[in-house]
């Protein structure tokens, strides 16, 4: 019997992909923060996004992150997430 592979939906492109192919963005209401979660284990409400800056741009236009995280996301947070995603995109999916 094969092991079940967890799937998650990207908030940008709306495609179902394997969980390990996506990056989790977490909103922690107690600390009032929104940040990338490389480990996938940080506390808080999470949303998944592809490792492409294009998906974050689409999610920004549609306000999909705000809807998924149920909190407002400021422009500064989007800018920092874009920079971090650009670094991840350059490194590749294995890192």
PDB file of N, CA and C in Angstrom:
ATOM      1  N   UNK A   1       0.833  -1.181   0.000  1.00  0.00           N
ATOM      2  CA  UNK A   1       0.000   0.000   0.000  1.00  0.00           C
ATOM      3  C   UNK A   1       0.883   1.252   0.000  1.00  0.00           C
ATOM      4  N   UNK A   2       0.575   2.194  -0.899  1.00  0.00           N
ATOM      5  CA  UNK A   2       1.375   3.403  -0.997  1.00  0.00           C
ATOM      6  C   UNK A   2       1.014   4.386   0.102  1.00  0.00           C
ATOM      7  N   UNK A   3       2.025   5.138   0.505  1.00  0.00           N
ATOM      8  CA  UNK A   3       1.820   6.164   1.517  1.00  0.00           C
ATOM      9  C   UNK A   3       1.073   7.351   0.902  1.00  0.00           C
ATOM     10  N   UNK A   4       0.114   7.891   1.628  1.00  0.00           N
ATOM     11  CA  UNK A   4      -0.671   9.017   1.137  1.00  0.00           C
ATOM     12  C   UNK A   4       0.177  10.290   1.126  1.00  0.00           C
ATOM     13  N   UNK A   5       0.143  11.003   0.013  1.00  0.00           N
ATOM     14  CA  UNK A   5       0.906  12.241  -0.127  1.00  0.00           C
ATOM     15  C   UNK A   5      -0.036  13.412   0.130  1.00  0.00           C
ATOM     16  N   UNK A   6       0.280  14.249   1.141  1.00  0.00           N
ATOM     17  CA  UNK A   6      -0.604  15.386   1.434  1.00  0.00           C
ATOM     18  C   UNK A   6      -0.559  16.434   0.323  1.00  0.00           C
ATOM     19  N   UNK A   7      -1.732  16.899  -0.078  1.00  0.00           N
ATOM     20  CA  UNK A   7      -1.857  17.928  -1.103  1.00  0.00           C
ATOM     21  C   UNK A   7      -2.365  19.217  -0.479  1.00  0.00           C
ATOM     22  N   UNK A   8      -1.907  20.337  -1.019  1.00  0.00           N
ATOM     23  CA  UNK A   8      -2.370  21.647  -0.584  1.00  0.00           C
ATOM     24  C   UNK A   8      -2.606  22.501  -1.822  1.00  0.00           C
ATOM     25  N   UNK A   9      -3.440  23.528  -1.685  1.00  0.00           N
ATOM     26  CA  UNK A   9      -3.758  24.412  -2.806  1.00  0.00           C
ATOM     27  C   UNK A   9      -3.003  25.726  -2.664  1.00  0.00           C
ATOM     28  N   UNK A  10      -2.365  26.140  -3.744  1.00  0.00           N
ATOM     29  CA  UNK A  10      -1.672  27.426  -3.785  1.00  0.00           C
ATOM     30  C   UNK A  10      -2.716  28.538  -3.816  1.00  0.00           C
ATOM     31  N   UNK A  11      -2.560  29.547  -2.962  1.00  0.00           N
ATOM     32  CA  UNK A  11      -3.524  30.647  -2.929  1.00  0.00           C
ATOM     33  C   UNK A  11      -3.371  31.570  -4.133  1.00  0.00           C
ATOM     34  N   UNK A  12      -2.249  31.480  -4.842  1.00  0.00           N
ATOM     35  CA  UNK A  12      -2.030  32.321  -6.012  1.00  0.00           C
ATOM     36  C   UNK A  12      -2.627  31.736  -7.277  1.00  0.00           C
ATOM     37  N   UNK A  13      -2.181  30.531  -7.653  1.00  0.00           N
ATOM     38  CA  UNK A  13      -2.623  29.923  -8.917  1.00  0.00           C
ATOM     39  C   UNK A  13      -3.761  28.923  -8.734  1.00  0.00           C
ATOM     40  N   UNK A  14      -4.125  28.615  -7.506  1.00  0.00           N
ATOM     41  CA  UNK A  14      -5.232  27.708  -7.178  1.00  0.00           C
ATOM     42  C   UNK A  14      -4.980  26.270  -7.624  1.00  0.00           C
ATOM     43  N   UNK A  15      -3.723  25.872  -7.829  1.00  0.00           N
ATOM     44  CA  UNK A  15      -3.403  24.503  -8.226  1.00  0.00           C
ATOM     45  C   UNK A  15      -3.130  23.652  -6.997  1.00  0.00           C
ATOM     46  N   UNK A  16      -3.592  22.407  -7.041  1.00  0.00           N
ATOM     47  CA  UNK A  16      -3.303  21.452  -5.978  1.00  0.00           C
ATOM     48  C   UNK A  16      -1.924  20.853  -6.254  1.00  0.00           C
ATOM     49  N   UNK A  17      -1.045  20.930  -5.267  1.00  0.00           N
ATOM     50  CA  UNK A  17       0.309  20.398  -5.402  1.00  0.00           C
ATOM     51  C   UNK A  17       0.684  19.667  -4.127  1.00  0.00           C
ATOM     52  N   UNK A  18       1.774  18.907  -4.204  1.00  0.00           N
ATOM     53  CA  UNK A  18       2.260  18.233  -3.012  1.00  0.00           C
ATOM     54  C   UNK A  18       2.704  19.275  -1.993  1.00  0.00           C
ATOM     55  N   UNK A  19       2.463  18.968  -0.737  1.00  0.00           N
ATOM     56  CA  UNK A  19       2.758  19.907   0.345  1.00  0.00           C
ATOM     57  C   UNK A  19       4.224  20.339   0.336  1.00  0.00           C
ATOM     58  N   UNK A  20       5.124  19.410   0.024  1.00  0.00           N
ATOM     59  CA  UNK A  20       6.559  19.735   0.068  1.00  0.00           C
ATOM     60  C   UNK A  20       6.997  20.642  -1.076  1.00  0.00           C
ATOM     61  N   UNK A  21       6.167  20.777  -2.116  1.00  0.00           N
ATOM     62  CA  UNK A  21       6.486  21.661  -3.237  1.00  0.00           C
ATOM     63  C   UNK A  21       6.089  23.109  -2.958  1.00  0.00           C
ATOM     64  N   UNK A  22       5.293  23.334  -1.925  1.00  0.00           N
ATOM     65  CA  UNK A  22       4.778  24.665  -1.618  1.00  0.00           C
ATOM     66  C   UNK A  22       5.466  25.246  -0.395  1.00  0.00           C
ATOM     67  N   UNK A  23       5.332  26.545  -0.230  1.00  0.00           N
ATOM     68  CA  UNK A  23       5.866  27.241   0.942  1.00  0.00           C
ATOM     69  C   UNK A  23       4.690  27.716   1.773  1.00  0.00           C
ATOM     70  N   UNK A  24       4.793  27.550   3.078  1.00  0.00           N
ATOM     71  CA  UNK A  24       3.721  27.961   3.981  1.00  0.00           C
ATOM     72  C   UNK A  24       3.982  29.384   4.460  1.00  0.00           C
ATOM     73  N   UNK A  25       2.937  30.182   4.425  1.00  0.00           N
ATOM     74  CA  UNK A  25       2.979  31.527   5.002  1.00  0.00           C
ATOM     75  C   UNK A  25       2.065  31.478   6.207  1.00  0.00           C
ATOM     76  N   UNK A  26       2.578  31.902   7.356  1.00  0.00           N
ATOM     77  CA  UNK A  26       1.828  31.759   8.602  1.00  0.00           C
ATOM     78  C   UNK A  26       1.522  33.119   9.212  1.00  0.00           C
ATOM     79  N   UNK A  27       0.314  33.222   9.765  1.00  0.00           N
ATOM     80  CA  UNK A  27      -0.112  34.420  10.481  1.00  0.00           C
ATOM     81  C   UNK A  27      -0.296  34.050  11.943  1.00  0.00           C
ATOM     82  N   UNK A  28       0.457  34.702  12.805  1.00  0.00           N
ATOM     83  CA  UNK A  28       0.346  34.456  14.236  1.00  0.00           C
ATOM     84  C   UNK A  28      -0.357  35.656  14.866  1.00  0.00           C
ATOM     85  N   UNK A  29      -1.604  35.469  15.265  1.00  0.00           N
ATOM     86  CA  UNK A  29      -2.405  36.564  15.823  1.00  0.00           C
ATOM     87  C   UNK A  29      -1.827  37.078  17.144  1.00  0.00           C
ATOM     88  N   UNK A  30      -1.269  36.187  17.957  1.00  0.00           N
ATOM     89  CA  UNK A  30      -0.729  36.597  19.254  1.00  0.00           C
ATOM     90  C   UNK A  30       0.450  37.557  19.084  1.00  0.00           C
ATOM     91  N   UNK A  31       1.316  37.262  18.114  1.00  0.00           N
ATOM     92  CA  UNK A  31       2.484  38.111  17.870  1.00  0.00           C
ATOM     93  C   UNK A  31       2.219  39.177  16.815  1.00  0.00           C
ATOM     94  N   UNK A  32       1.045  39.093  16.159  1.00  0.00           N
ATOM     95  CA  UNK A  32       0.652  40.030  15.110  1.00  0.00           C
ATOM     96  C   UNK A  32       1.680  40.057  13.979  1.00  0.00           C
ATOM     97  N   UNK A  33       2.081  38.851  13.505  1.00  0.00           N
ATOM     98  CA  UNK A  33       3.070  38.741  12.445  1.00  0.00           C
ATOM     99  C   UNK A  33       2.554  37.883  11.297  1.00  0.00           C
ATOM    100  N   UNK A  34       3.084  38.139  10.105  1.00  0.00           N
ATOM    101  CA  UNK A  34       2.869  37.298   8.929  1.00  0.00           C
ATOM    102  C   UNK A  34       4.250  37.047   8.354  1.00  0.00           C
ATOM    103  N   UNK A  35       4.642  35.760   8.212  1.00  0.00           N
ATOM    104  CA  UNK A  35       5.989  35.440   7.752  1.00  0.00           C
ATOM    105  C   UNK A  35       6.025  34.099   7.040  1.00  0.00           C
ATOM    106  N   UNK A  36       7.131  33.862   6.315  1.00  0.00           N
ATOM    107  CA  UNK A  36       7.334  32.567   5.678  1.00  0.00           C
ATOM    108  C   UNK A  36       7.663  31.536   6.745  1.00  0.00           C
ATOM    109  N   UNK A  37       7.143  30.333   6.569  1.00  0.00           N
ATOM    110  CA  UNK A  37       7.388  29.240   7.505  1.00  0.00           C
ATOM    111  C   UNK A  37       8.117  28.138   6.753  1.00  0.00           C
ATOM    112  N   UNK A  38       9.437  28.160   6.797  1.00  0.00           N
ATOM    113  CA  UNK A  38      10.236  27.174   6.069  1.00  0.00           C
ATOM    114  C   UNK A  38      10.078  25.770   6.646  1.00  0.00           C
ATOM    115  N   UNK A  39       9.854  25.674   7.951  1.00  0.00           N
ATOM    116  CA  UNK A  39       9.746  24.364   8.596  1.00  0.00           C
ATOM    117  C   UNK A  39       8.360  23.761   8.458  1.00  0.00           C
ATOM    118  N   UNK A  40       7.344  24.604   8.288  1.00  0.00           N
ATOM    119  CA  UNK A  40       5.970  24.112   8.212  1.00  0.00           C
ATOM    120  C   UNK A  40       5.389  23.776   9.568  1.00  0.00           C
ATOM    121  N   UNK A  41       6.059  24.200  10.634  1.00  0.00           N
ATOM    122  CA  UNK A  41       5.631  23.828  11.977  1.00  0.00           C
ATOM    123  C   UNK A  41       5.318  25.012  12.890  1.00  0.00           C
ATOM    124  N   UNK A  42       5.439  26.229  12.385  1.00  0.00           N
ATOM    125  CA  UNK A  42       5.166  27.396  13.224  1.00  0.00           C
ATOM    126  C   UNK A  42       3.693  27.464  13.585  1.00  0.00           C
ATOM    127  N   UNK A  43       3.424  28.005  14.755  1.00  0.00           N
ATOM    128  CA  UNK A  43       2.050  28.126  15.234  1.00  0.00           C
ATOM    129  C   UNK A  43       1.341  29.250  14.499  1.00  0.00           C
ATOM    130  N   UNK A  44       0.068  29.045  14.223  1.00  0.00           N
ATOM    131  CA  UNK A  44      -0.740  30.078  13.591  1.00  0.00           C
ATOM    132  C   UNK A  44      -1.480  29.557  12.379  1.00  0.00           C
ATOM    133  N   UNK A  45      -2.288  30.421  11.805  1.00  0.00           N
ATOM    134  CA  UNK A  45      -3.070  30.076  10.611  1.00  0.00           C
ATOM    135  C   UNK A  45      -2.150  30.135   9.401  1.00  0.00           C
ATOM    136  N   UNK A  46      -2.189  29.103   8.577  1.00  0.00           N
ATOM    137  CA  UNK A  46      -1.284  29.020   7.441  1.00  0.00           C
ATOM    138  C   UNK A  46      -1.978  29.039   6.100  1.00  0.00           C
ATOM    139  N   UNK A  47      -1.241  29.485   5.100  1.00  0.00           N
ATOM    140  CA  UNK A  47      -1.673  29.441   3.707  1.00  0.00           C
ATOM    141  C   UNK A  47      -0.461  28.999   2.894  1.00  0.00           C
ATOM    142  N   UNK A  48      -0.713  28.284   1.821  1.00  0.00           N
ATOM    143  CA  UNK A  48       0.374  27.749   1.011  1.00  0.00           C
ATOM    144  C   UNK A  48       0.456  28.478  -0.317  1.00  0.00           C
ATOM    145  N   UNK A  49       1.699  28.637  -0.794  1.00  0.00           N
ATOM    146  CA  UNK A  49       1.926  29.333  -2.055  1.00  0.00           C
ATOM    147  C   UNK A  49       3.083  28.659  -2.784  1.00  0.00           C
ATOM    148  N   UNK A  50       3.042  28.686  -4.121  1.00  0.00           N
ATOM    149  CA  UNK A  50       4.112  28.112  -4.937  1.00  0.00           C
ATOM    150  C   UNK A  50       5.412  28.874  -4.691  1.00  0.00           C
ATOM    151  N   UNK A  51       6.499  28.291  -5.131  1.00  0.00           N
ATOM    152  CA  UNK A  51       7.808  28.917  -4.961  1.00  0.00           C
ATOM    153  C   UNK A  51       8.098  29.925  -6.073  1.00  0.00           C
ATOM    154  N   UNK A  52       7.055  30.589  -6.563  1.00  0.00           N
ATOM    155  CA  UNK A  52       7.213  31.571  -7.635  1.00  0.00           C
ATOM    156  C   UNK A  52       6.697  32.927  -7.163  1.00  0.00           C
ATOM    157  N   UNK A  53       7.401  33.967  -7.531  1.00  0.00           N
ATOM    158  CA  UNK A  53       6.985  35.322  -7.177  1.00  0.00           C
ATOM    159  C   UNK A  53       5.672  35.665  -7.884  1.00  0.00           C
ATOM    160  N   UNK A  54       5.456  35.075  -9.067  1.00  0.00           N
ATOM    161  CA  UNK A  54       4.220  35.333  -9.823  1.00  0.00           C
ATOM    162  C   UNK A  54       2.982  34.943  -9.021  1.00  0.00           C
ATOM    163  N   UNK A  55       3.051  33.827  -8.306  1.00  0.00           N
ATOM    164  CA  UNK A  55       1.903  33.376  -7.507  1.00  0.00           C
ATOM    165  C   UNK A  55       1.628  34.348  -6.359  1.00  0.00           C
ATOM    166  N   UNK A  56       2.688  34.887  -5.761  1.00  0.00           N
ATOM    167  CA  UNK A  56       2.499  35.867  -4.691  1.00  0.00           C
ATOM    168  C   UNK A  56       1.893  37.150  -5.252  1.00  0.00           C
ATOM    169  N   UNK A  57       2.322  37.545  -6.443  1.00  0.00           N
ATOM    170  CA  UNK A  57       1.766  38.739  -7.081  1.00  0.00           C
ATOM    171  C   UNK A  57       0.278  38.560  -7.364  1.00  0.00           C
ATOM    172  N   UNK A  58      -0.095  37.375  -7.856  1.00  0.00           N
ATOM    173  CA  UNK A  58      -1.504  37.079  -8.120  1.00  0.00           C
ATOM    174  C   UNK A  58      -2.306  37.083  -6.830  1.00  0.00           C
ATOM    175  N   UNK A  59      -1.756  36.464  -5.788  1.00  0.00           N
ATOM    176  CA  UNK A  59      -2.441  36.427  -4.489  1.00  0.00           C
ATOM    177  C   UNK A  59      -2.598  37.837  -3.925  1.00  0.00           C
ATOM    178  N   UNK A  60      -1.617  38.690  -4.178  1.00  0.00           N
ATOM    179  CA  UNK A  60      -1.670  40.082  -3.707  1.00  0.00           C
ATOM    180  C   UNK A  60      -2.796  40.842  -4.399  1.00  0.00           C
ATOM    181  N   UNK A  61      -2.924  40.653  -5.720  1.00  0.00           N
ATOM    182  CA  UNK A  61      -3.964  41.342  -6.486  1.00  0.00           C
ATOM    183  C   UNK A  61      -5.362  40.894  -6.064  1.00  0.00           C
ATOM    184  N   UNK A  62      -5.517  39.599  -5.820  1.00  0.00           N
ATOM    185  CA  UNK A  62      -6.831  39.042  -5.473  1.00  0.00           C
ATOM    186  C   UNK A  62      -7.127  39.097  -3.975  1.00  0.00           C
ATOM    187  N   UNK A  63      -6.140  39.568  -3.187  1.00  0.00           N
ATOM    188  CA  UNK A  63      -6.234  39.590  -1.726  1.00  0.00           C
ATOM    189  C   UNK A  63      -6.510  38.191  -1.169  1.00  0.00           C
ATOM    190  N   UNK A  64      -5.939  37.187  -1.830  1.00  0.00           N
ATOM    191  CA  UNK A  64      -6.150  35.794  -1.438  1.00  0.00           C
ATOM    192  C   UNK A  64      -5.464  35.472  -0.112  1.00  0.00           C
ATOM    193  N   UNK A  65      -4.298  36.066   0.136  1.00  0.00           N
ATOM    194  CA  UNK A  65      -3.606  35.823   1.409  1.00  0.00           C
ATOM    195  C   UNK A  65      -4.412  36.378   2.571  1.00  0.00           C
ATOM    196  N   UNK A  66      -4.946  37.562   2.410  1.00  0.00           N
ATOM    197  CA  UNK A  66      -5.750  38.168   3.477  1.00  0.00           C
ATOM    198  C   UNK A  66      -6.969  37.314   3.781  1.00  0.00           C
ATOM    199  N   UNK A  67      -7.581  36.782   2.736  1.00  0.00           N
ATOM    200  CA  UNK A  67      -8.764  35.940   2.914  1.00  0.00           C
ATOM    201  C   UNK A  67      -8.397  34.620   3.599  1.00  0.00           C
ATOM    202  N   UNK A  68      -7.294  33.997   3.183  1.00  0.00           N
ATOM    203  CA  UNK A  68      -6.886  32.715   3.751  1.00  0.00           C
ATOM    204  C   UNK A  68      -6.406  32.843   5.193  1.00  0.00           C
ATOM    205  N   UNK A  69      -5.657  33.906   5.461  1.00  0.00           N
ATOM    206  CA  UNK A  69      -5.098  34.090   6.802  1.00  0.00           C
ATOM    207  C   UNK A  69      -6.069  34.798   7.745  1.00  0.00           C
ATOM    208  N   UNK A  70      -7.161  35.321   7.199  1.00  0.00           N
ATOM    209  CA  UNK A  70      -8.179  36.039   7.973  1.00  0.00           C
ATOM    210  C   UNK A  70      -7.580  37.194   8.772  1.00  0.00           C
ATOM    211  N   UNK A  71      -6.695  37.938   8.120  1.00  0.00           N
ATOM    212  CA  UNK A  71      -6.075  39.111   8.724  1.00  0.00           C
ATOM    213  C   UNK A  71      -5.638  40.055   7.607  1.00  0.00           C
ATOM    214  N   UNK A  72      -5.412  41.306   7.940  1.00  0.00           N
ATOM    215  CA  UNK A  72      -4.932  42.243   6.924  1.00  0.00           C
ATOM    216  C   UNK A  72      -3.423  42.067   6.755  1.00  0.00           C
ATOM    217  N   UNK A  73      -2.976  42.174   5.516  1.00  0.00           N
ATOM    218  CA  UNK A  73      -1.560  42.021   5.200  1.00  0.00           C
ATOM    219  C   UNK A  73      -1.090  43.336   4.594  1.00  0.00           C
ATOM    220  N   UNK A  74      -0.128  43.984   5.245  1.00  0.00           N
ATOM    221  CA  UNK A  74       0.336  45.296   4.795  1.00  0.00           C
ATOM    222  C   UNK A  74       1.266  45.173   3.588  1.00  0.00           C
ATOM    223  N   UNK A  75       1.493  46.296   2.928  1.00  0.00           N
ATOM    224  CA  UNK A  75       2.374  46.329   1.757  1.00  0.00           C
ATOM    225  C   UNK A  75       3.810  45.969   2.134  1.00  0.00           C
ATOM    226  N   UNK A  76       4.249  46.366   3.334  1.00  0.00           N
ATOM    227  CA  UNK A  76       5.605  46.043   3.780  1.00  0.00           C
ATOM    228  C   UNK A  76       5.786  44.536   3.898  1.00  0.00           C
ATOM    229  N   UNK A  77       4.757  43.863   4.388  1.00  0.00           N
ATOM    230  CA  UNK A  77       4.828  42.405   4.527  1.00  0.00           C
ATOM    231  C   UNK A  77       4.895  41.760   3.149  1.00  0.00           C
ATOM    232  N   UNK A  78       4.070  42.242   2.204  1.00  0.00           N
ATOM    233  CA  UNK A  78       4.121  41.709   0.840  1.00  0.00           C
ATOM    234  C   UNK A  78       5.500  41.917   0.226  1.00  0.00           C
ATOM    235  N   UNK A  79       6.094  43.087   0.452  1.00  0.00           N
ATOM    236  CA  UNK A  79       7.419  43.365  -0.098  1.00  0.00           C
ATOM    237  C   UNK A  79       8.473  42.433   0.486  1.00  0.00           C
ATOM    238  N   UNK A  80       8.433  42.216   1.802  1.00  0.00           N
ATOM    239  CA  UNK A  80       9.411  41.322   2.422  1.00  0.00           C
ATOM    240  C   UNK A  80       9.192  39.876   1.980  1.00  0.00           C
ATOM    241  N   UNK A  81       7.929  39.458   1.826  1.00  0.00           N
ATOM    242  CA  UNK A  81       7.645  38.105   1.335  1.00  0.00           C
ATOM    243  C   UNK A  81       8.135  37.936  -0.100  1.00  0.00           C
ATOM    244  N   UNK A  82       7.994  38.981  -0.913  1.00  0.00           N
ATOM    245  CA  UNK A  82       8.471  38.922  -2.297  1.00  0.00           C
ATOM    246  C   UNK A  82       9.981  38.744  -2.334  1.00  0.00           C
ATOM    247  N   UNK A  83      10.703  39.476  -1.482  1.00  0.00           N
ATOM    248  CA  UNK A  83      12.165  39.346  -1.422  1.00  0.00           C
ATOM    249  C   UNK A  83      12.571  37.949  -0.975  1.00  0.00           C
ATOM    250  N   UNK A  84      11.900  37.429   0.061  1.00  0.00           N
ATOM    251  CA  UNK A  84      12.225  36.095   0.560  1.00  0.00           C
ATOM    252  C   UNK A  84      11.906  35.023  -0.479  1.00  0.00           C
ATOM    253  N   UNK A  85      10.772  35.162  -1.166  1.00  0.00           N
ATOM    254  CA  UNK A  85      10.408  34.193  -2.203  1.00  0.00           C
ATOM    255  C   UNK A  85      11.374  34.250  -3.378  1.00  0.00           C
ATOM    256  N   UNK A  86      11.868  35.434  -3.706  1.00  0.00           N
ATOM    257  CA  UNK A  86      12.841  35.562  -4.792  1.00  0.00           C
ATOM    258  C   UNK A  86      14.114  34.793  -4.444  1.00  0.00           C
ATOM    259  N   UNK A  87      14.526  34.849  -3.185  1.00  0.00           N
ATOM    260  CA  UNK A  87      15.699  34.090  -2.745  1.00  0.00           C
ATOM    261  C   UNK A  87      15.441  32.592  -2.823  1.00  0.00           C
ATOM    262  N   UNK A  88      14.271  32.159  -2.392  1.00  0.00           N
ATOM    263  CA  UNK A  88      13.919  30.738  -2.435  1.00  0.00           C
ATOM    264  C   UNK A  88      13.826  30.270  -3.879  1.00  0.00           C
ATOM    265  N   UNK A  89      13.272  31.108  -4.748  1.00  0.00           N
ATOM    266  CA  UNK A  89      13.127  30.775  -6.164  1.00  0.00           C
ATOM    267  C   UNK A  89      14.496  30.594  -6.816  1.00  0.00           C
ATOM    268  N   UNK A  90      15.486  31.411  -6.421  1.00  0.00           N
ATOM    269  CA  UNK A  90      16.837  31.300  -6.965  1.00  0.00           C
ATOM    270  C   UNK A  90      17.524  30.037  -6.480  1.00  0.00           C
ATOM    271  N   UNK A  91      17.336  29.699  -5.197  1.00  0.00           N
ATOM    272  CA  UNK A  91      17.995  28.534  -4.611  1.00  0.00           C
ATOM    273  C   UNK A  91      17.448  27.252  -5.220  1.00  0.00           C
ATOM    274  N   UNK A  92      16.124  27.188  -5.390  1.00  0.00           N
ATOM    275  CA  UNK A  92      15.504  26.008  -5.977  1.00  0.00           C
ATOM    276  C   UNK A  92      14.642  25.280  -4.974  1.00  0.00           C
ATOM    277  N   UNK A  93      13.878  24.284  -5.432  1.00  0.00           N
ATOM    278  CA  UNK A  93      12.915  23.600  -4.577  1.00  0.00           C
ATOM    279  C   UNK A  93      13.529  22.652  -3.562  1.00  0.00           C
ATOM    280  N   UNK A  94      14.793  22.264  -3.736  1.00  0.00           N
ATOM    281  CA  UNK A  94      15.384  21.294  -2.814  1.00  0.00           C
ATOM    282  C   UNK A  94      15.828  21.911  -1.506  1.00  0.00           C
ATOM    283  N   UNK A  95      16.054  23.204  -1.477  1.00  0.00           N
ATOM    284  CA  UNK A  95      16.560  23.862  -0.269  1.00  0.00           C
ATOM    285  C   UNK A  95      15.439  24.308   0.616  1.00  0.00           C
TER     286      UNK A  95
END
